[in-house]
C-alpha atoms as a PDB file:
ATOM      1  CA  SER A   1     -64.711  -5.593 -21.734  1.00  0.00           C
ATOM      2  CA  GLU A   2     -62.554  -2.825 -19.953  1.00  0.00           C
ATOM      3  CA  ALA A   3     -61.173  -5.685 -17.429  1.00  0.00           C
ATOM      4  CA  LEU A   4     -60.192  -7.981 -20.581  1.00  0.00           C
ATOM      5  CA  GLN A   5     -57.799  -5.072 -21.860  1.00  0.00           C
ATOM      6  CA  THR A   6     -55.684  -5.157 -18.718  1.00  0.00           C
ATOM      7  CA  ILE A   7     -52.831  -7.020 -18.044  1.00  0.00           C
ATOM      8  CA  SER A   8     -54.096  -7.358 -14.292  1.00  0.00           C
ATOM      9  CA  PHE A   9     -57.030  -9.685 -15.572  1.00  0.00           C
ATOM     10  CA  TYR A  10     -54.877 -12.003 -17.182  1.00  0.00           C
ATOM     11  CA  ILE A  11     -52.265 -12.167 -14.201  1.00  0.00           C
ATOM     12  CA  VAL A  12     -55.118 -12.528 -11.827  1.00  0.00           C
ATOM     13  CA  SER A  13     -56.753 -15.081 -14.188  1.00  0.00           C
ATOM     14  CA  LEU A  14     -53.493 -17.338 -14.424  1.00  0.00           C
ATOM     15  CA  GLY A  15     -52.947 -17.309 -10.618  1.00  0.00           C
ATOM     16  CA  TRP A  16     -56.564 -18.007  -9.922  1.00  0.00           C
ATOM     17  CA  PHE A  17     -56.672 -20.991 -12.488  1.00  0.00           C
ATOM     18  CA  ALA A  18     -53.228 -22.208 -11.113  1.00  0.00           C
ATOM     19  CA  ILE A  19     -54.500 -22.090  -7.365  1.00  0.00           C
ATOM     20  CA  ALA A  20     -58.059 -23.928  -8.267  1.00  0.00           C
ATOM     21  CA  MET A  21     -56.226 -26.267 -10.520  1.00  0.00           C
ATOM     22  CA  LEU A  22     -53.399 -27.303  -7.771  1.00  0.00           C
ATOM     23  CA  VAL A  23     -55.804 -27.239  -4.593  1.00  0.00           C
ATOM     24  CA  THR A  24     -58.214 -29.446  -6.371  1.00  0.00           C
ATOM     25  CA  THR A  25     -55.171 -31.595  -7.562  1.00  0.00           C
ATOM     26  CA  LEU A  26     -53.974 -31.993  -3.793  1.00  0.00           C
ATOM     27  CA  HIS A  27     -57.526 -32.453  -2.525  1.00  0.00           C
ATOM     28  CA  PHE A  28     -58.103 -35.407  -5.251  1.00  0.00           C
ATOM     29  CA  TRP A  29     -54.616 -37.022  -4.879  1.00  0.00           C
ATOM     30  CA  GLN A  30     -53.319 -36.267  -1.442  1.00  0.00           C
ATOM     31  CA  VAL A  31     -54.128 -39.646   0.179  1.00  0.00           C
ATOM     32  CA  THR A  32     -53.111 -41.919  -2.758  1.00  0.00           C
ATOM     33  CA  VAL A  33     -49.870 -39.818  -2.794  1.00  0.00           C
ATOM     34  CA  MET A  34     -49.060 -40.178   0.765  1.00  0.00           C
ATOM     35  CA  VAL A  35     -49.828 -44.152   0.816  1.00  0.00           C
ATOM     36  CA  LYS A  36     -47.483 -44.512  -2.099  1.00  0.00           C
ATOM     37  CA  GLN A  37     -44.868 -42.772   0.225  1.00  0.00           C
ATOM     38  CA  GLY A  38     -45.726 -45.214   3.265  1.00  0.00           C
ATOM     39  CA  VAL A  39     -48.040 -43.109   4.899  1.00  0.00           C
ATOM     40  CA  ASP A  40     -50.939 -45.359   6.592  1.00  0.00           C
ATOM     41  CA  ALA A  41     -54.193 -44.626   4.855  1.00  0.00           C
ATOM     42  CA  ASP A  42     -55.854 -43.636   8.013  1.00  0.00           C
ATOM     43  CA  THR A  43     -53.101 -41.201   8.857  1.00  0.00           C
ATOM     44  CA  ALA A  44     -53.491 -39.549   5.145  1.00  0.00           C
ATOM     45  CA  ALA A  45     -57.468 -39.344   5.354  1.00  0.00           C
ATOM     46  CA  ARG A  46     -56.729 -37.498   8.621  1.00  0.00           C
ATOM     47  CA  ALA A  47     -55.012 -34.908   7.076  1.00  0.00           C
ATOM     48  CA  PHE A  48     -58.085 -33.384   5.562  1.00  0.00           C
ATOM     49  CA  THR A  49     -59.291 -32.770   9.080  1.00  0.00           C
ATOM     50  CA  ILE A  50     -55.925 -31.057  10.111  1.00  0.00           C
ATOM     51  CA  SER A  51     -56.114 -29.148   7.133  1.00  0.00           C
ATOM     52  CA  ALA A  52     -59.670 -27.856   7.843  1.00  0.00           C
ATOM     53  CA  ILE A  53     -58.872 -27.211  11.261  1.00  0.00           C
ATOM     54  CA  ALA A  54     -55.657 -25.039  10.212  1.00  0.00           C
ATOM     55  CA  MET A  55     -57.748 -23.431   7.670  1.00  0.00           C
ATOM     56  CA  ALA A  56     -60.428 -22.335   9.992  1.00  0.00           C
ATOM     57  CA  VAL A  57     -57.620 -20.846  12.282  1.00  0.00           C
ATOM     58  CA  ALA A  58     -55.928 -18.923   9.466  1.00  0.00           C
ATOM     59  CA  MET A  59     -58.897 -17.450   7.882  1.00  0.00           C
ATOM     60  CA  PRO A  60     -58.994 -14.479   9.892  1.00  0.00           C
ATOM     61  CA  MET A  61     -55.606 -13.827   9.602  1.00  0.00           C
ATOM     62  CA  VAL A  62     -55.713 -14.024   5.598  1.00  0.00           C
ATOM     63  CA  GLY A  63     -58.538 -11.632   5.884  1.00  0.00           C
ATOM     64  CA  ARG A  64     -56.308  -9.218   7.941  1.00  0.00           C
ATOM     65  CA  MET A  65     -53.463  -9.500   5.530  1.00  0.00           C
ATOM     66  CA  PHE A  66     -55.585  -8.474   2.697  1.00  0.00           C
ATOM     67  CA  ASP A  67     -56.646  -5.294   5.006  1.00  0.00           C
ATOM     68  CA  ARG A  68     -52.866  -4.419   5.902  1.00  0.00           C
ATOM     69  CA  PHE A  69     -50.644  -5.318   2.791  1.00  0.00           C
ATOM     70  CA  ARG A  70     -50.690  -4.586  -0.844  1.00  0.00           C
ATOM     71  CA  THR A  71     -53.031  -7.034  -2.664  1.00  0.00           C
ATOM     72  CA  ARG A  72     -50.352  -8.240  -4.999  1.00  0.00           C
ATOM     73  CA  TYR A  73     -48.113  -9.230  -2.202  1.00  0.00           C
ATOM     74  CA  VAL A  74     -50.694 -11.676  -0.469  1.00  0.00           C
ATOM     75  CA  PHE A  75     -51.619 -13.041  -3.763  1.00  0.00           C
ATOM     76  CA  ALA A  76     -48.306 -13.864  -4.397  1.00  0.00           C
ATOM     77  CA  THR A  77     -48.000 -15.188  -1.119  1.00  0.00           C
ATOM     78  CA  ASP A  78     -51.081 -17.469  -1.521  1.00  0.00           C
ATOM     79  CA  LEU A  79     -49.361 -18.585  -4.952  1.00  0.00           C
ATOM     80  CA  LEU A  80     -45.932 -19.854  -2.703  1.00  0.00           C
ATOM     81  CA  VAL A  81     -47.907 -21.347  -0.375  1.00  0.00           C
ATOM     82  CA  THR A  82     -49.656 -23.420  -2.897  1.00  0.00           C
ATOM     83  CA  ALA A  83     -46.195 -24.100  -4.618  1.00  0.00           C
ATOM     84  CA  VAL A  84     -44.800 -25.300  -0.923  1.00  0.00           C
ATOM     85  CA  SER A  85     -47.913 -27.291  -0.440  1.00  0.00           C
ATOM     86  CA  LEU A  86     -47.297 -29.488  -3.802  1.00  0.00           C
ATOM     87  CA  ILE A  87     -43.744 -30.071  -2.800  1.00  0.00           C
ATOM     88  CA  GLY A  88     -44.743 -30.792   0.894  1.00  0.00           C
ATOM     89  CA  VAL A  89     -46.917 -33.445  -0.007  1.00  0.00           C
ATOM     90  CA  THR A  90     -44.096 -35.386  -1.859  1.00  0.00           C
ATOM     91  CA  PHE A  91     -41.994 -35.144   1.826  1.00  0.00           C
ATOM     92  CA  ALA A  92     -44.888 -36.708   3.687  1.00  0.00           C
ATOM     93  CA  THR A  93     -43.716 -39.994   4.643  1.00  0.00           C
ATOM     94  CA  ASP A  94     -44.677 -40.105   8.339  1.00  0.00           C
ATOM     95  CA  ALA A  95     -46.998 -38.922  10.929  1.00  0.00           C
ATOM     96  CA  VAL A  96     -45.013 -35.720  11.608  1.00  0.00           C
ATOM     97  CA  SER A  97     -44.380 -34.915   7.895  1.00  0.00           C
ATOM     98  CA  THR A  98     -47.899 -35.579   7.145  1.00  0.00           C
ATOM     99  CA  VAL A  99     -49.430 -33.211  10.040  1.00  0.00           C
ATOM    100  CA  ALA A 100     -46.702 -30.301   8.762  1.00  0.00           C
ATOM    101  CA  TYR A 101     -47.982 -30.690   5.242  1.00  0.00           C
ATOM    102  CA  ALA A 102     -51.564 -30.422   6.249  1.00  0.00           C
ATOM    103  CA  ILE A 103     -50.834 -27.436   8.228  1.00  0.00           C
ATOM    104  CA  VAL A 104     -49.466 -25.940   5.221  1.00  0.00           C
ATOM    105  CA  PHE A 105     -52.269 -27.242   2.938  1.00  0.00           C
ATOM    106  CA  GLY A 106     -55.019 -25.608   5.456  1.00  0.00           C
ATOM    107  CA  ILE A 107     -53.073 -22.269   5.222  1.00  0.00           C
ATOM    108  CA  ASN A 108     -53.276 -22.497   1.498  1.00  0.00           C
ATOM    109  CA  ASN A 109     -57.008 -23.223   1.532  1.00  0.00           C
ATOM    110  CA  ALA A 110     -57.546 -20.283   3.867  1.00  0.00           C
ATOM    111  CA  PHE A 111     -55.871 -18.220   0.998  1.00  0.00           C
ATOM    112  CA  SER A 112     -57.862 -19.517  -1.718  1.00  0.00           C
ATOM    113  CA  MET A 113     -61.139 -19.279   0.166  1.00  0.00           C
ATOM    114  CA  THR A 114     -60.639 -15.686   1.369  1.00  0.00           C
ATOM    115  CA  MET A 115     -58.779 -14.371  -1.832  1.00  0.00           C
ATOM    116  CA  PHE A 116     -61.695 -15.069  -4.616  1.00  0.00           C
ATOM    117  CA  GLY A 117     -64.259 -12.562  -3.081  1.00  0.00           C
ATOM    118  CA  TYR A 118     -61.371  -9.845  -2.694  1.00  0.00           C
ATOM    119  CA  LEU A 119     -59.363 -10.076  -5.451  1.00  0.00           C
ATOM    120  CA  TRP A 120     -61.722  -9.380  -8.256  1.00  0.00           C
ATOM    121  CA  PRO A 121     -63.311  -6.199  -6.788  1.00  0.00           C
ATOM    122  CA  ARG A 122     -59.834  -5.049  -5.627  1.00  0.00           C
ATOM    123  CA  TYR A 123     -58.598  -5.123  -9.174  1.00  0.00           C
ATOM    124  CA  PHE A 124     -61.599  -4.258 -11.271  1.00  0.00           C
ATOM    125  CA  GLY A 125     -64.088  -2.575  -8.946  1.00  0.00           C
ATOM    126  CA  ARG A 126     -67.653  -3.316  -8.208  1.00  0.00           C
ATOM    127  CA  LYS A 127     -69.339  -1.926 -10.874  1.00  0.00           C
ATOM    128  CA  HIS A 128     -69.592  -5.256 -13.116  1.00  0.00           C
ATOM    129  CA  LEU A 129     -68.452  -7.461 -10.520  1.00  0.00           C
ATOM    130  CA  GLY A 130     -71.075 -10.001 -11.576  1.00  0.00           C
ATOM    131  CA  SER A 131     -69.843 -10.381 -14.914  1.00  0.00           C
ATOM    132  CA  ILE A 132     -66.160 -10.435 -13.546  1.00  0.00           C
ATOM    133  CA  GLN A 133     -66.538 -12.731 -11.276  1.00  0.00           C
ATOM    134  CA  GLY A 134     -68.390 -15.203 -13.080  1.00  0.00           C
ATOM    135  CA  THR A 135     -65.638 -15.221 -15.588  1.00  0.00           C
ATOM    136  CA  GLY A 136     -63.257 -15.730 -12.462  1.00  0.00           C
ATOM    137  CA  GLN A 137     -65.422 -18.943 -11.211  1.00  0.00           C
ATOM    138  CA  MET A 138     -65.196 -20.108 -14.862  1.00  0.00           C
ATOM    139  CA  ILE A 139     -61.400 -19.823 -14.995  1.00  0.00           C
ATOM    140  CA  GLY A 140     -61.294 -21.582 -11.532  1.00  0.00           C
ATOM    141  CA  VAL A 141     -63.854 -24.308 -12.531  1.00  0.00           C
ATOM    142  CA  VAL A 142     -61.757 -24.930 -15.845  1.00  0.00           C
ATOM    143  CA  GLY A 143     -58.396 -25.215 -13.455  1.00  0.00           C
ATOM    144  CA  ALA A 144     -60.014 -27.378 -11.082  1.00  0.00           C
ATOM    145  CA  SER A 145     -61.282 -29.653 -13.538  1.00  0.00           C
ATOM    146  CA  LEU A 146     -58.047 -29.880 -15.493  1.00  0.00           C
ATOM    147  CA  GLY A 147     -55.788 -30.287 -12.285  1.00  0.00           C
ATOM    148  CA  PRO A 148     -55.971 -33.810 -11.133  1.00  0.00           C
ATOM    149  CA  LEU A 149     -55.224 -34.983 -14.903  1.00  0.00           C
ATOM    150  CA  PRO A 150     -51.175 -34.602 -14.814  1.00  0.00           C
ATOM    151  CA  VAL A 151     -50.773 -36.275 -11.487  1.00  0.00           C
ATOM    152  CA  GLY A 152     -53.184 -39.259 -12.903  1.00  0.00           C
ATOM    153  CA  TRP A 153     -51.264 -39.526 -15.945  1.00  0.00           C
ATOM    154  CA  ALA A 154     -47.938 -39.487 -13.931  1.00  0.00           C
ATOM    155  CA  PHE A 155     -49.435 -42.666 -11.937  1.00  0.00           C
ATOM    156  CA  ASP A 156     -50.637 -44.268 -14.923  1.00  0.00           C
ATOM    157  CA  ALA A 157     -47.234 -43.792 -16.568  1.00  0.00           C
ATOM    158  CA  VAL A 158     -44.657 -44.574 -13.892  1.00  0.00           C
ATOM    159  CA  ASP A 159     -46.865 -45.281 -10.725  1.00  0.00           C
ATOM    160  CA  ASP A 160     -45.502 -42.219  -9.047  1.00  0.00           C
ATOM    161  CA  ALA A 161     -46.178 -38.622  -9.145  1.00  0.00           C
ATOM    162  CA  THR A 162     -43.764 -37.020  -7.074  1.00  0.00           C
ATOM    163  CA  TRP A 163     -41.678 -35.440  -9.979  1.00  0.00           C
ATOM    164  CA  THR A 164     -45.154 -34.349 -11.422  1.00  0.00           C
ATOM    165  CA  LEU A 165     -46.199 -32.595  -8.275  1.00  0.00           C
ATOM    166  CA  ARG A 166     -42.829 -30.778  -8.043  1.00  0.00           C
ATOM    167  CA  LEU A 167     -42.713 -29.792 -11.492  1.00  0.00           C
ATOM    168  CA  LEU A 168     -46.625 -28.413 -10.958  1.00  0.00           C
ATOM    169  CA  ALA A 169     -45.322 -26.215  -8.242  1.00  0.00           C
ATOM    170  CA  LEU A 170     -43.373 -24.258 -11.104  1.00  0.00           C
ATOM    171  CA  LEU A 171     -46.665 -22.751 -12.201  1.00  0.00           C
ATOM    172  CA  PRO A 172     -47.649 -21.036  -9.153  1.00  0.00           C
ATOM    173  CA  LEU A 173     -44.031 -19.854  -8.462  1.00  0.00           C
ATOM    174  CA  ALA A 174     -44.101 -18.352 -11.915  1.00  0.00           C
ATOM    175  CA  CYS A 175     -47.431 -16.614 -11.413  1.00  0.00           C
ATOM    176  CA  ALA A 176     -46.272 -15.272  -7.849  1.00  0.00           C
ATOM    177  CA  LEU A 177     -43.438 -13.582 -10.008  1.00  0.00           C
ATOM    178  CA  LEU A 178     -45.616 -11.942 -12.491  1.00  0.00           C
ATOM    179  CA  ALA A 179     -48.027 -11.036  -9.528  1.00  0.00           C
ATOM    180  CA  VAL A 180     -45.161  -9.089  -8.151  1.00  0.00           C
ATOM    181  CA  LEU A 181     -43.714  -7.496 -11.043  1.00  0.00           C
ATOM    182  CA  PHE A 182     -46.947  -6.197 -12.937  1.00  0.00           C
ATOM    183  CA  LEU A 183     -49.736  -6.258 -10.559  1.00  0.00           C
ATOM    184  CA  ARG A 184     -50.297  -2.523  -9.237  1.00  0.00           C
ATOM    185  CA  ALA A 185     -52.260  -2.860  -6.135  1.00  0.00           C
END
């Protein structure tokens, strides 16, 4: 109940919601988006492998970032990388741009995988960590559940999700600004 009385809880929750929502959106739709843009289906599917390798390489670096820099800046960086991923997928039109996108998206996944275990105790302590992380996990699940819907609607309405993905990038950008301006740690 104490955490619910802080602005930090709502900023972290909104940012976590955005990351879960948009990472799931990209996992769900990346192949379809890239194929619509002229990328071979096999190349688009192989982007997952490149992302996984980039994630594995980046995770220790992200962990070090959390140890060395203020949490709000690392959190904001993840939100910015999420925005770049959303915009980047809309420019994946060949093998080279697909690899570039896949690397950025892998770094994005490294941030989100590392961050969940770090953010909640950093801002709210460990005393009631189970309750707080449980709430955070629920927020992430709701975000992940809703995330793919706008892109699906865009494909249904206009058979293209480019502008929807670019507009969705505004959410993590706004959350990054809130994190930098209002989070203390």
